[in-house]
Amino acid sequence: SRNGHQVELTKQALSKVKVARDLVDNLV
C-alpha cells in the first residue's frame, strides 16, 4: 500500500480459485 511492492498470485491460489469457479459454473 505504501512502498510500491508488487503482487503475484501463487500457483496454489490459482488452482483453488479455478476449482471453486468450476463449481459455480456447474450450479448455474
mmCIF file of all heavy atoms, coordinates in Angstrom:
data_MODEL
# 
_entry.id   MODEL 
# 
loop_
_atom_site.group_PDB 
_atom_site.id 
_atom_site.type_symbol 
_atom_site.label_atom_id 
_atom_site.label_alt_id 
_atom_site.label_comp_id 
_atom_site.label_asym_id 
_atom_site.label_entity_id 
_atom_site.label_seq_id 
_atom_site.pdbx_PDB_ins_code 
_atom_site.Cartn_x 
_atom_site.Cartn_y 
_atom_site.Cartn_z 
_atom_site.occupancy 
_atom_site.B_iso_or_equiv 
_atom_site.pdbx_formal_charge 
_atom_site.auth_seq_id 
_atom_site.auth_comp_id 
_atom_site.auth_asym_id 
_atom_site.auth_atom_id 
_atom_site.pdbx_PDB_model_num 
ATOM 1   N N   . SER A 1 1  ? 0.813   -1.223  0.000   1.00 0.00 ? 1  SER A N   1 
ATOM 2   C CA  . SER A 1 1  ? 0.000   0.000   0.000   1.00 0.00 ? 1  SER A CA  1 
ATOM 3   C C   . SER A 1 1  ? 0.841   1.266   0.000   1.00 0.00 ? 1  SER A C   1 
ATOM 4   O O   . SER A 1 1  ? 0.424   2.285   -0.558  1.00 0.00 ? 1  SER A O   1 
ATOM 5   C CB  . SER A 1 1  ? -0.951  0.008   1.206   1.00 0.00 ? 1  SER A CB  1 
ATOM 6   O OG  . SER A 1 1  ? -0.240  0.039   2.425   1.00 0.00 ? 1  SER A OG  1 
ATOM 7   N N   . ARG A 1 2  ? 2.037   1.213   0.595   1.00 0.00 ? 2  ARG A N   1 
ATOM 8   C CA  . ARG A 1 2  ? 2.830   2.438   0.735   1.00 0.00 ? 2  ARG A CA  1 
ATOM 9   C C   . ARG A 1 2  ? 4.203   2.388   0.081   1.00 0.00 ? 2  ARG A C   1 
ATOM 10  O O   . ARG A 1 2  ? 4.759   3.447   -0.251  1.00 0.00 ? 2  ARG A O   1 
ATOM 11  C CB  . ARG A 1 2  ? 3.017   2.757   2.226   1.00 0.00 ? 2  ARG A CB  1 
ATOM 12  C CG  . ARG A 1 2  ? 1.740   3.148   2.925   1.00 0.00 ? 2  ARG A CG  1 
ATOM 13  C CD  . ARG A 1 2  ? 1.963   3.391   4.396   1.00 0.00 ? 2  ARG A CD  1 
ATOM 14  N NE  . ARG A 1 2  ? 0.767   3.940   5.028   1.00 0.00 ? 2  ARG A NE  1 
ATOM 15  C CZ  . ARG A 1 2  ? 0.628   4.131   6.342   1.00 0.00 ? 2  ARG A CZ  1 
ATOM 16  N NH1 . ARG A 1 2  ? 1.623   3.805   7.155   1.00 0.00 ? 2  ARG A NH1 1 
ATOM 17  N NH2 . ARG A 1 2  ? -0.474  4.641   6.828   1.00 0.00 ? 2  ARG A NH2 1 
ATOM 18  N N   . ASN A 1 3  ? 4.734   1.204   -0.092  1.00 0.00 ? 3  ASN A N   1 
ATOM 19  C CA  . ASN A 1 3  ? 6.119   1.098   -0.567  1.00 0.00 ? 3  ASN A CA  1 
ATOM 20  C C   . ASN A 1 3  ? 6.252   0.538   -1.974  1.00 0.00 ? 3  ASN A C   1 
ATOM 21  O O   . ASN A 1 3  ? 7.359   0.238   -2.415  1.00 0.00 ? 3  ASN A O   1 
ATOM 22  C CB  . ASN A 1 3  ? 6.940   0.244   0.418   1.00 0.00 ? 3  ASN A CB  1 
ATOM 23  C CG  . ASN A 1 3  ? 6.935   0.835   1.826   1.00 0.00 ? 3  ASN A CG  1 
ATOM 24  O OD1 . ASN A 1 3  ? 6.911   2.058   1.997   1.00 0.00 ? 3  ASN A OD1 1 
ATOM 25  N ND2 . ASN A 1 3  ? 6.943   -0.016  2.831   1.00 0.00 ? 3  ASN A ND2 1 
ATOM 26  N N   . GLY A 1 4  ? 5.134   0.398   -2.665  1.00 0.00 ? 4  GLY A N   1 
ATOM 27  C CA  . GLY A 1 4  ? 5.164   0.034   -4.074  1.00 0.00 ? 4  GLY A CA  1 
ATOM 28  C C   . GLY A 1 4  ? 5.483   -1.405  -4.396  1.00 0.00 ? 4  GLY A C   1 
ATOM 29  O O   . GLY A 1 4  ? 5.817   -1.721  -5.547  1.00 0.00 ? 4  GLY A O   1 
ATOM 30  N N   . HIS A 1 5  ? 5.411   -2.308  -3.421  1.00 0.00 ? 5  HIS A N   1 
ATOM 31  C CA  . HIS A 1 5  ? 5.670   -3.715  -3.720  1.00 0.00 ? 5  HIS A CA  1 
ATOM 32  C C   . HIS A 1 5  ? 4.585   -4.272  -4.643  1.00 0.00 ? 5  HIS A C   1 
ATOM 33  O O   . HIS A 1 5  ? 3.425   -3.900  -4.555  1.00 0.00 ? 5  HIS A O   1 
ATOM 34  C CB  . HIS A 1 5  ? 5.728   -4.533  -2.430  1.00 0.00 ? 5  HIS A CB  1 
ATOM 35  C CG  . HIS A 1 5  ? 6.981   -4.298  -1.642  1.00 0.00 ? 5  HIS A CG  1 
ATOM 36  N ND1 . HIS A 1 5  ? 7.481   -5.229  -0.755  1.00 0.00 ? 5  HIS A ND1 1 
ATOM 37  C CD2 . HIS A 1 5  ? 7.836   -3.248  -1.589  1.00 0.00 ? 5  HIS A CD2 1 
ATOM 38  C CE1 . HIS A 1 5  ? 8.595   -4.756  -0.194  1.00 0.00 ? 5  HIS A CE1 1 
ATOM 39  N NE2 . HIS A 1 5  ? 8.816   -3.549  -0.685  1.00 0.00 ? 5  HIS A NE2 1 
ATOM 40  N N   . GLN A 1 6  ? 4.989   -5.159  -5.530  1.00 0.00 ? 6  GLN A N   1 
ATOM 41  C CA  . GLN A 1 6  ? 4.090   -5.777  -6.484  1.00 0.00 ? 6  GLN A CA  1 
ATOM 42  C C   . GLN A 1 6  ? 3.409   -7.002  -5.855  1.00 0.00 ? 6  GLN A C   1 
ATOM 43  O O   . GLN A 1 6  ? 3.843   -7.518  -4.825  1.00 0.00 ? 6  GLN A O   1 
ATOM 44  C CB  . GLN A 1 6  ? 4.858   -6.204  -7.737  1.00 0.00 ? 6  GLN A CB  1 
ATOM 45  C CG  . GLN A 1 6  ? 5.525   -5.041  -8.478  1.00 0.00 ? 6  GLN A CG  1 
ATOM 46  C CD  . GLN A 1 6  ? 4.556   -4.255  -9.330  1.00 0.00 ? 6  GLN A CD  1 
ATOM 47  O OE1 . GLN A 1 6  ? 4.155   -4.705  -10.395 1.00 0.00 ? 6  GLN A OE1 1 
ATOM 48  N NE2 . GLN A 1 6  ? 4.162   -3.085  -8.862  1.00 0.00 ? 6  GLN A NE2 1 
ATOM 49  N N   . VAL A 1 7  ? 2.364   -7.471  -6.528  1.00 0.00 ? 7  VAL A N   1 
ATOM 50  C CA  . VAL A 1 7  ? 1.565   -8.590  -6.038  1.00 0.00 ? 7  VAL A CA  1 
ATOM 51  C C   . VAL A 1 7  ? 1.555   -9.691  -7.095  1.00 0.00 ? 7  VAL A C   1 
ATOM 52  O O   . VAL A 1 7  ? 1.422   -9.414  -8.290  1.00 0.00 ? 7  VAL A O   1 
ATOM 53  C CB  . VAL A 1 7  ? 0.122   -8.129  -5.740  1.00 0.00 ? 7  VAL A CB  1 
ATOM 54  C CG1 . VAL A 1 7  ? -0.766  -9.309  -5.392  1.00 0.00 ? 7  VAL A CG1 1 
ATOM 55  C CG2 . VAL A 1 7  ? 0.117   -7.113  -4.605  1.00 0.00 ? 7  VAL A CG2 1 
ATOM 56  N N   . GLU A 1 8  ? 1.691   -10.932 -6.645  1.00 0.00 ? 8  GLU A N   1 
ATOM 57  C CA  . GLU A 1 8  ? 1.635   -12.067 -7.566  1.00 0.00 ? 8  GLU A CA  1 
ATOM 58  C C   . GLU A 1 8  ? 0.883   -13.213 -6.914  1.00 0.00 ? 8  GLU A C   1 
ATOM 59  O O   . GLU A 1 8  ? 1.134   -13.558 -5.751  1.00 0.00 ? 8  GLU A O   1 
ATOM 60  C CB  . GLU A 1 8  ? 3.042   -12.516 -7.947  1.00 0.00 ? 8  GLU A CB  1 
ATOM 61  C CG  . GLU A 1 8  ? 3.081   -13.662 -8.951  1.00 0.00 ? 8  GLU A CG  1 
ATOM 62  C CD  . GLU A 1 8  ? 4.505   -14.047 -9.337  1.00 0.00 ? 8  GLU A CD  1 
ATOM 63  O OE1 . GLU A 1 8  ? 5.363   -13.142 -9.453  1.00 0.00 ? 8  GLU A OE1 1 
ATOM 64  O OE2 . GLU A 1 8  ? 4.764   -15.263 -9.480  1.00 0.00 ? 8  GLU A OE2 1 
ATOM 65  N N   . LEU A 1 9  ? -0.047  -13.808 -7.649  1.00 0.00 ? 9  LEU A N   1 
ATOM 66  C CA  . LEU A 1 9  ? -0.801  -14.951 -7.157  1.00 0.00 ? 9  LEU A CA  1 
ATOM 67  C C   . LEU A 1 9  ? 0.036   -16.216 -7.291  1.00 0.00 ? 9  LEU A C   1 
ATOM 68  O O   . LEU A 1 9  ? 0.697   -16.427 -8.311  1.00 0.00 ? 9  LEU A O   1 
ATOM 69  C CB  . LEU A 1 9  ? -2.093  -15.120 -7.950  1.00 0.00 ? 9  LEU A CB  1 
ATOM 70  C CG  . LEU A 1 9  ? -3.089  -13.944 -7.874  1.00 0.00 ? 9  LEU A CG  1 
ATOM 71  C CD1 . LEU A 1 9  ? -4.184  -14.129 -8.905  1.00 0.00 ? 9  LEU A CD1 1 
ATOM 72  C CD2 . LEU A 1 9  ? -3.673  -13.825 -6.477  1.00 0.00 ? 9  LEU A CD2 1 
ATOM 73  N N   . THR A 1 10 ? 0.021   -17.055 -6.280  1.00 0.00 ? 10 THR A N   1 
ATOM 74  C CA  . THR A 1 10 ? 0.759   -18.322 -6.347  1.00 0.00 ? 10 THR A CA  1 
ATOM 75  C C   . THR A 1 10 ? -0.011  -19.328 -7.204  1.00 0.00 ? 10 THR A C   1 
ATOM 76  O O   . THR A 1 10 ? -1.220  -19.203 -7.426  1.00 0.00 ? 10 THR A O   1 
ATOM 77  C CB  . THR A 1 10 ? 0.966   -18.920 -4.946  1.00 0.00 ? 10 THR A CB  1 
ATOM 78  O OG1 . THR A 1 10 ? -0.314  -19.237 -4.388  1.00 0.00 ? 10 THR A OG1 1 
ATOM 79  C CG2 . THR A 1 10 ? 1.691   -17.935 -4.030  1.00 0.00 ? 10 THR A CG2 1 
ATOM 80  N N   . LYS A 1 11 ? 0.692   -20.354 -7.660  1.00 0.00 ? 11 LYS A N   1 
ATOM 81  C CA  . LYS A 1 11 ? 0.053   -21.411 -8.443  1.00 0.00 ? 11 LYS A CA  1 
ATOM 82  C C   . LYS A 1 11 ? -1.020  -22.119 -7.620  1.00 0.00 ? 11 LYS A C   1 
ATOM 83  O O   . LYS A 1 11 ? -2.080  -22.494 -8.140  1.00 0.00 ? 11 LYS A O   1 
ATOM 84  C CB  . LYS A 1 11 ? 1.101   -22.414 -8.914  1.00 0.00 ? 11 LYS A CB  1 
ATOM 85  C CG  . LYS A 1 11 ? 2.046   -21.865 -9.979  1.00 0.00 ? 11 LYS A CG  1 
ATOM 86  C CD  . LYS A 1 11 ? 3.051   -22.926 -10.410 1.00 0.00 ? 11 LYS A CD  1 
ATOM 87  C CE  . LYS A 1 11 ? 3.991   -22.372 -11.479 1.00 0.00 ? 11 LYS A CE  1 
ATOM 88  N NZ  . LYS A 1 11 ? 5.004   -23.384 -11.898 1.00 0.00 ? 11 LYS A NZ  1 
ATOM 89  N N   . GLN A 1 12 ? -0.740  -22.284 -6.330  1.00 0.00 ? 12 GLN A N   1 
ATOM 90  C CA  . GLN A 1 12 ? -1.712  -22.956 -5.465  1.00 0.00 ? 12 GLN A CA  1 
ATOM 91  C C   . GLN A 1 12 ? -3.007  -22.146 -5.368  1.00 0.00 ? 12 GLN A C   1 
ATOM 92  O O   . GLN A 1 12 ? -4.113  -22.706 -5.394  1.00 0.00 ? 12 GLN A O   1 
ATOM 93  C CB  . GLN A 1 12 ? -1.119  -23.164 -4.068  1.00 0.00 ? 12 GLN A CB  1 
ATOM 94  C CG  . GLN A 1 12 ? 0.050   -24.130 -4.017  1.00 0.00 ? 12 GLN A CG  1 
ATOM 95  C CD  . GLN A 1 12 ? 1.401   -23.436 -4.256  1.00 0.00 ? 12 GLN A CD  1 
ATOM 96  O OE1 . GLN A 1 12 ? 1.457   -22.332 -4.799  1.00 0.00 ? 12 GLN A OE1 1 
ATOM 97  N NE2 . GLN A 1 12 ? 2.472   -24.108 -3.848  1.00 0.00 ? 12 GLN A NE2 1 
ATOM 98  N N   . ALA A 1 13 ? -2.849  -20.820 -5.270  1.00 0.00 ? 13 ALA A N   1 
ATOM 99  C CA  . ALA A 1 13 ? -4.031  -19.965 -5.199  1.00 0.00 ? 13 ALA A CA  1 
ATOM 100 C C   . ALA A 1 13 ? -4.829  -20.035 -6.486  1.00 0.00 ? 13 ALA A C   1 
ATOM 101 O O   . ALA A 1 13 ? -6.066  -20.159 -6.470  1.00 0.00 ? 13 ALA A O   1 
ATOM 102 C CB  . ALA A 1 13 ? -3.607  -18.518 -4.914  1.00 0.00 ? 13 ALA A CB  1 
ATOM 103 N N   . LEU A 1 14 ? -4.149  -19.966 -7.618  1.00 0.00 ? 14 LEU A N   1 
ATOM 104 C CA  . LEU A 1 14 ? -4.833  -20.038 -8.910  1.00 0.00 ? 14 LEU A CA  1 
ATOM 105 C C   . LEU A 1 14 ? -5.600  -21.359 -9.064  1.00 0.00 ? 14 LEU A C   1 
ATOM 106 O O   . LEU A 1 14 ? -6.721  -21.386 -9.585  1.00 0.00 ? 14 LEU A O   1 
ATOM 107 C CB  . LEU A 1 14 ? -3.824  -19.874 -10.048 1.00 0.00 ? 14 LEU A CB  1 
ATOM 108 C CG  . LEU A 1 14 ? -3.188  -18.485 -10.162 1.00 0.00 ? 14 LEU A CG  1 
ATOM 109 C CD1 . LEU A 1 14 ? -2.040  -18.503 -11.158 1.00 0.00 ? 14 LEU A CD1 1 
ATOM 110 C CD2 . LEU A 1 14 ? -4.232  -17.452 -10.572 1.00 0.00 ? 14 LEU A CD2 1 
ATOM 111 N N   . SER A 1 15 ? -4.985  -22.434 -8.596  1.00 0.00 ? 15 SER A N   1 
ATOM 112 C CA  . SER A 1 15 ? -5.639  -23.740 -8.679  1.00 0.00 ? 15 SER A CA  1 
ATOM 113 C C   . SER A 1 15 ? -6.906  -23.776 -7.832  1.00 0.00 ? 15 SER A C   1 
ATOM 114 O O   . SER A 1 15 ? -7.959  -24.269 -8.274  1.00 0.00 ? 15 SER A O   1 
ATOM 115 C CB  . SER A 1 15 ? -4.659  -24.829 -8.226  1.00 0.00 ? 15 SER A CB  1 
ATOM 116 O OG  . SER A 1 15 ? -5.276  -26.092 -8.218  1.00 0.00 ? 15 SER A OG  1 
ATOM 117 N N   . LYS A 1 16 ? -6.837  -23.242 -6.613  1.00 0.00 ? 16 LYS A N   1 
ATOM 118 C CA  . LYS A 1 16 ? -8.009  -23.234 -5.731  1.00 0.00 ? 16 LYS A CA  1 
ATOM 119 C C   . LYS A 1 16 ? -9.130  -22.368 -6.298  1.00 0.00 ? 16 LYS A C   1 
ATOM 120 O O   . LYS A 1 16 ? -10.314 -22.712 -6.204  1.00 0.00 ? 16 LYS A O   1 
ATOM 121 C CB  . LYS A 1 16 ? -7.607  -22.742 -4.334  1.00 0.00 ? 16 LYS A CB  1 
ATOM 122 C CG  . LYS A 1 16 ? -6.758  -23.717 -3.544  1.00 0.00 ? 16 LYS A CG  1 
ATOM 123 C CD  . LYS A 1 16 ? -6.507  -23.241 -2.134  1.00 0.00 ? 16 LYS A CD  1 
ATOM 124 C CE  . LYS A 1 16 ? -5.625  -22.004 -2.092  1.00 0.00 ? 16 LYS A CE  1 
ATOM 125 N NZ  . LYS A 1 16 ? -5.307  -21.586 -0.702  1.00 0.00 ? 16 LYS A NZ  1 
ATOM 126 N N   . VAL A 1 17 ? -8.750  -21.233 -6.874  1.00 0.00 ? 17 VAL A N   1 
ATOM 127 C CA  . VAL A 1 17 ? -9.738  -20.335 -7.465  1.00 0.00 ? 17 VAL A CA  1 
ATOM 128 C C   . VAL A 1 17 ? -10.469 -21.032 -8.615  1.00 0.00 ? 17 VAL A C   1 
ATOM 129 O O   . VAL A 1 17 ? -11.694 -20.934 -8.744  1.00 0.00 ? 17 VAL A O   1 
ATOM 130 C CB  . VAL A 1 17 ? -9.060  -19.034 -7.952  1.00 0.00 ? 17 VAL A CB  1 
ATOM 131 C CG1 . VAL A 1 17 ? -10.015 -18.217 -8.813  1.00 0.00 ? 17 VAL A CG1 1 
ATOM 132 C CG2 . VAL A 1 17 ? -8.587  -18.205 -6.758  1.00 0.00 ? 17 VAL A CG2 1 
ATOM 133 N N   . LYS A 1 18 ? -9.732  -21.760 -9.443  1.00 0.00 ? 18 LYS A N   1 
ATOM 134 C CA  . LYS A 1 18 ? -10.344 -22.448 -10.588 1.00 0.00 ? 18 LYS A CA  1 
ATOM 135 C C   . LYS A 1 18 ? -11.320 -23.532 -10.139 1.00 0.00 ? 18 LYS A C   1 
ATOM 136 O O   . LYS A 1 18 ? -12.421 -23.679 -10.701 1.00 0.00 ? 18 LYS A O   1 
ATOM 137 C CB  . LYS A 1 18 ? -9.270  -23.056 -11.478 1.00 0.00 ? 18 LYS A CB  1 
ATOM 138 C CG  . LYS A 1 18 ? -9.836  -23.697 -12.750 1.00 0.00 ? 18 LYS A CG  1 
ATOM 139 C CD  . LYS A 1 18 ? -8.755  -24.297 -13.620 1.00 0.00 ? 18 LYS A CD  1 
ATOM 140 C CE  . LYS A 1 18 ? -9.353  -24.825 -14.918 1.00 0.00 ? 18 LYS A CE  1 
ATOM 141 N NZ  . LYS A 1 18 ? -10.446 -25.796 -14.692 1.00 0.00 ? 18 LYS A NZ  1 
ATOM 142 N N   . VAL A 1 19 ? -10.947 -24.279 -9.125  1.00 0.00 ? 19 VAL A N   1 
ATOM 143 C CA  . VAL A 1 19 ? -11.818 -25.365 -8.646  1.00 0.00 ? 19 VAL A CA  1 
ATOM 144 C C   . VAL A 1 19 ? -13.141 -24.790 -8.128  1.00 0.00 ? 19 VAL A C   1 
ATOM 145 O O   . VAL A 1 19 ? -14.226 -25.315 -8.426  1.00 0.00 ? 19 VAL A O   1 
ATOM 146 C CB  . VAL A 1 19 ? -11.105 -26.176 -7.542  1.00 0.00 ? 19 VAL A CB  1 
ATOM 147 C CG1 . VAL A 1 19 ? -12.078 -27.140 -6.875  1.00 0.00 ? 19 VAL A CG1 1 
ATOM 148 C CG2 . VAL A 1 19 ? -9.915  -26.932 -8.116  1.00 0.00 ? 19 VAL A CG2 1 
ATOM 149 N N   . ALA A 1 20 ? -13.074 -23.702 -7.373  1.00 0.00 ? 20 ALA A N   1 
ATOM 150 C CA  . ALA A 1 20 ? -14.291 -23.079 -6.854  1.00 0.00 ? 20 ALA A CA  1 
ATOM 151 C C   . ALA A 1 20 ? -15.138 -22.516 -7.983  1.00 0.00 ? 20 ALA A C   1 
ATOM 152 O O   . ALA A 1 20 ? -16.379 -22.607 -7.962  1.00 0.00 ? 20 ALA A O   1 
ATOM 153 C CB  . ALA A 1 20 ? -13.928 -21.978 -5.863  1.00 0.00 ? 20 ALA A CB  1 
ATOM 154 N N   . ARG A 1 21 ? -14.459 -21.945 -8.989  1.00 0.00 ? 21 ARG A N   1 
ATOM 155 C CA  . ARG A 1 21 ? -15.203 -21.391 -10.130 1.00 0.00 ? 21 ARG A CA  1 
ATOM 156 C C   . ARG A 1 21 ? -15.952 -22.481 -10.892 1.00 0.00 ? 21 ARG A C   1 
ATOM 157 O O   . ARG A 1 21 ? -17.091 -22.285 -11.327 1.00 0.00 ? 21 ARG A O   1 
ATOM 158 C CB  . ARG A 1 21 ? -14.244 -20.666 -11.069 1.00 0.00 ? 21 ARG A CB  1 
ATOM 159 C CG  . ARG A 1 21 ? -14.938 -20.028 -12.268 1.00 0.00 ? 21 ARG A CG  1 
ATOM 160 C CD  . ARG A 1 21 ? -15.882 -18.938 -11.826 1.00 0.00 ? 21 ARG A CD  1 
ATOM 161 N NE  . ARG A 1 21 ? -17.053 -18.838 -12.681 1.00 0.00 ? 21 ARG A NE  1 
ATOM 162 C CZ  . ARG A 1 21 ? -18.064 -18.023 -12.469 1.00 0.00 ? 21 ARG A CZ  1 
ATOM 163 N NH1 . ARG A 1 21 ? -18.064 -17.233 -11.394 1.00 0.00 ? 21 ARG A NH1 1 
ATOM 164 N NH2 . ARG A 1 21 ? -19.089 -17.978 -13.290 1.00 0.00 ? 21 ARG A NH2 1 
ATOM 165 N N   . ASP A 1 22 ? -15.328 -23.616 -11.052 1.00 0.00 ? 22 ASP A N   1 
ATOM 166 C CA  . ASP A 1 22 ? -15.960 -24.725 -11.759 1.00 0.00 ? 22 ASP A CA  1 
ATOM 167 C C   . ASP A 1 22 ? -17.259 -25.146 -11.069 1.00 0.00 ? 22 ASP A C   1 
ATOM 168 O O   . ASP A 1 22 ? -18.258 -25.480 -11.736 1.00 0.00 ? 22 ASP A O   1 
ATOM 169 C CB  . ASP A 1 22 ? -15.010 -25.922 -11.855 1.00 0.00 ? 22 ASP A CB  1 
ATOM 170 C CG  . ASP A 1 22 ? -13.856 -25.674 -12.816 1.00 0.00 ? 22 ASP A CG  1 
ATOM 171 O OD1 . ASP A 1 22 ? -13.959 -24.731 -13.642 1.00 0.00 ? 22 ASP A OD1 1 
ATOM 172 O OD2 . ASP A 1 22 ? -12.857 -26.413 -12.741 1.00 0.00 ? 22 ASP A OD2 1 
ATOM 173 N N   . LEU A 1 23 ? -17.261 -25.112 -9.746  1.00 0.00 ? 23 LEU A N   1 
ATOM 174 C CA  . LEU A 1 23 ? -18.475 -25.493 -9.010  1.00 0.00 ? 23 LEU A CA  1 
ATOM 175 C C   . LEU A 1 23 ? -19.584 -24.472 -9.250  1.00 0.00 ? 23 LEU A C   1 
ATOM 176 O O   . LEU A 1 23 ? -20.757 -24.835 -9.430  1.00 0.00 ? 23 LEU A O   1 
ATOM 177 C CB  . LEU A 1 23 ? -18.173 -25.616 -7.519  1.00 0.00 ? 23 LEU A CB  1 
ATOM 178 C CG  . LEU A 1 23 ? -19.351 -25.991 -6.616  1.00 0.00 ? 23 LEU A CG  1 
ATOM 179 C CD1 . LEU A 1 23 ? -20.009 -27.287 -7.077  1.00 0.00 ? 23 LEU A CD1 1 
ATOM 180 C CD2 . LEU A 1 23 ? -18.896 -26.118 -5.164  1.00 0.00 ? 23 LEU A CD2 1 
ATOM 181 N N   . VAL A 1 24 ? -19.231 -23.179 -9.265  1.00 0.00 ? 24 VAL A N   1 
ATOM 182 C CA  . VAL A 1 24 ? -20.230 -22.140 -9.539  1.00 0.00 ? 24 VAL A CA  1 
ATOM 183 C C   . VAL A 1 24 ? -20.833 -22.333 -10.921 1.00 0.00 ? 24 VAL A C   1 
ATOM 184 O O   . VAL A 1 24 ? -22.059 -22.270 -11.112 1.00 0.00 ? 24 VAL A O   1 
ATOM 185 C CB  . VAL A 1 24 ? -19.598 -20.735 -9.418  1.00 0.00 ? 24 VAL A CB  1 
ATOM 186 C CG1 . VAL A 1 24 ? -20.554 -19.658 -9.945  1.00 0.00 ? 24 VAL A CG1 1 
ATOM 187 C CG2 . VAL A 1 24 ? -19.245 -20.438 -7.972  1.00 0.00 ? 24 VAL A CG2 1 
ATOM 188 N N   . ASP A 1 25 ? -19.976 -22.565 -11.917 1.00 0.00 ? 25 ASP A N   1 
ATOM 189 C CA  . ASP A 1 25 ? -20.473 -22.768 -13.288 1.00 0.00 ? 25 ASP A CA  1 
ATOM 190 C C   . ASP A 1 25 ? -21.430 -23.954 -13.355 1.00 0.00 ? 25 ASP A C   1 
ATOM 191 O O   . ASP A 1 25 ? -22.445 -23.921 -14.069 1.00 0.00 ? 25 ASP A O   1 
ATOM 192 C CB  . ASP A 1 25 ? -19.302 -22.982 -14.247 1.00 0.00 ? 25 ASP A CB  1 
ATOM 193 C CG  . ASP A 1 25 ? -18.513 -21.700 -14.504 1.00 0.00 ? 25 ASP A CG  1 
ATOM 194 O OD1 . ASP A 1 25 ? -19.083 -20.607 -14.290 1.00 0.00 ? 25 ASP A OD1 1 
ATOM 195 O OD2 . ASP A 1 25 ? -17.334 -21.794 -14.898 1.00 0.00 ? 25 ASP A OD2 1 
ATOM 196 N N   . ASN A 1 26 ? -21.131 -24.988 -12.611 1.00 0.00 ? 26 ASN A N   1 
ATOM 197 C CA  . ASN A 1 26 ? -21.992 -26.175 -12.588 1.00 0.00 ? 26 ASN A CA  1 
ATOM 198 C C   . ASN A 1 26 ? -23.363 -25.846 -11.986 1.00 0.00 ? 26 ASN A C   1 
ATOM 199 O O   . ASN A 1 26 ? -24.397 -26.298 -12.492 1.00 0.00 ? 26 ASN A O   1 
ATOM 200 C CB  . ASN A 1 26 ? -21.313 -27.288 -11.801 1.00 0.00 ? 26 ASN A CB  1 
ATOM 201 C CG  . ASN A 1 26 ? -22.148 -28.555 -11.752 1.00 0.00 ? 26 ASN A CG  1 
ATOM 202 O OD1 . ASN A 1 26 ? -22.452 -29.155 -12.781 1.00 0.00 ? 26 ASN A OD1 1 
ATOM 203 N ND2 . ASN A 1 26 ? -22.538 -28.956 -10.543 1.00 0.00 ? 26 ASN A ND2 1 
ATOM 204 N N   . LEU A 1 27 ? -23.373 -25.044 -10.919 1.00 0.00 ? 27 LEU A N   1 
ATOM 205 C CA  . LEU A 1 27 ? -24.641 -24.662 -10.292 1.00 0.00 ? 27 LEU A CA  1 
ATOM 206 C C   . LEU A 1 27 ? -25.501 -23.853 -11.253 1.00 0.00 ? 27 LEU A C   1 
ATOM 207 O O   . LEU A 1 27 ? -26.719 -24.055 -11.344 1.00 0.00 ? 27 LEU A O   1 
ATOM 208 C CB  . LEU A 1 27 ? -24.373 -23.845 -9.025  1.00 0.00 ? 27 LEU A CB  1 
ATOM 209 C CG  . LEU A 1 27 ? -23.775 -24.591 -7.827  1.00 0.00 ? 27 LEU A CG  1 
ATOM 210 C CD1 . LEU A 1 27 ? -23.345 -23.605 -6.746  1.00 0.00 ? 27 LEU A CD1 1 
ATOM 211 C CD2 . LEU A 1 27 ? -24.790 -25.579 -7.257  1.00 0.00 ? 27 LEU A CD2 1 
ATOM 212 N N   . VAL A 1 28 ? -24.861 -22.937 -11.966 1.00 0.00 ? 28 VAL A N   1 
ATOM 213 C CA  . VAL A 1 28 ? -25.599 -22.088 -12.898 1.00 0.00 ? 28 VAL A CA  1 
ATOM 214 C C   . VAL A 1 28 ? -26.112 -22.911 -14.074 1.00 0.00 ? 28 VAL A C   1 
ATOM 215 O O   . VAL A 1 28 ? -27.275 -22.779 -14.485 1.00 0.00 ? 28 VAL A O   1 
ATOM 216 C CB  . VAL A 1 28 ? -24.710 -20.925 -13.386 1.00 0.00 ? 28 VAL A CB  1 
ATOM 217 C CG1 . VAL A 1 28 ? -25.429 -20.130 -14.472 1.00 0.00 ? 28 VAL A CG1 1 
ATOM 218 C CG2 . VAL A 1 28 ? -24.335 -20.013 -12.222 1.00 0.00 ? 28 VAL A CG2 1 
# 
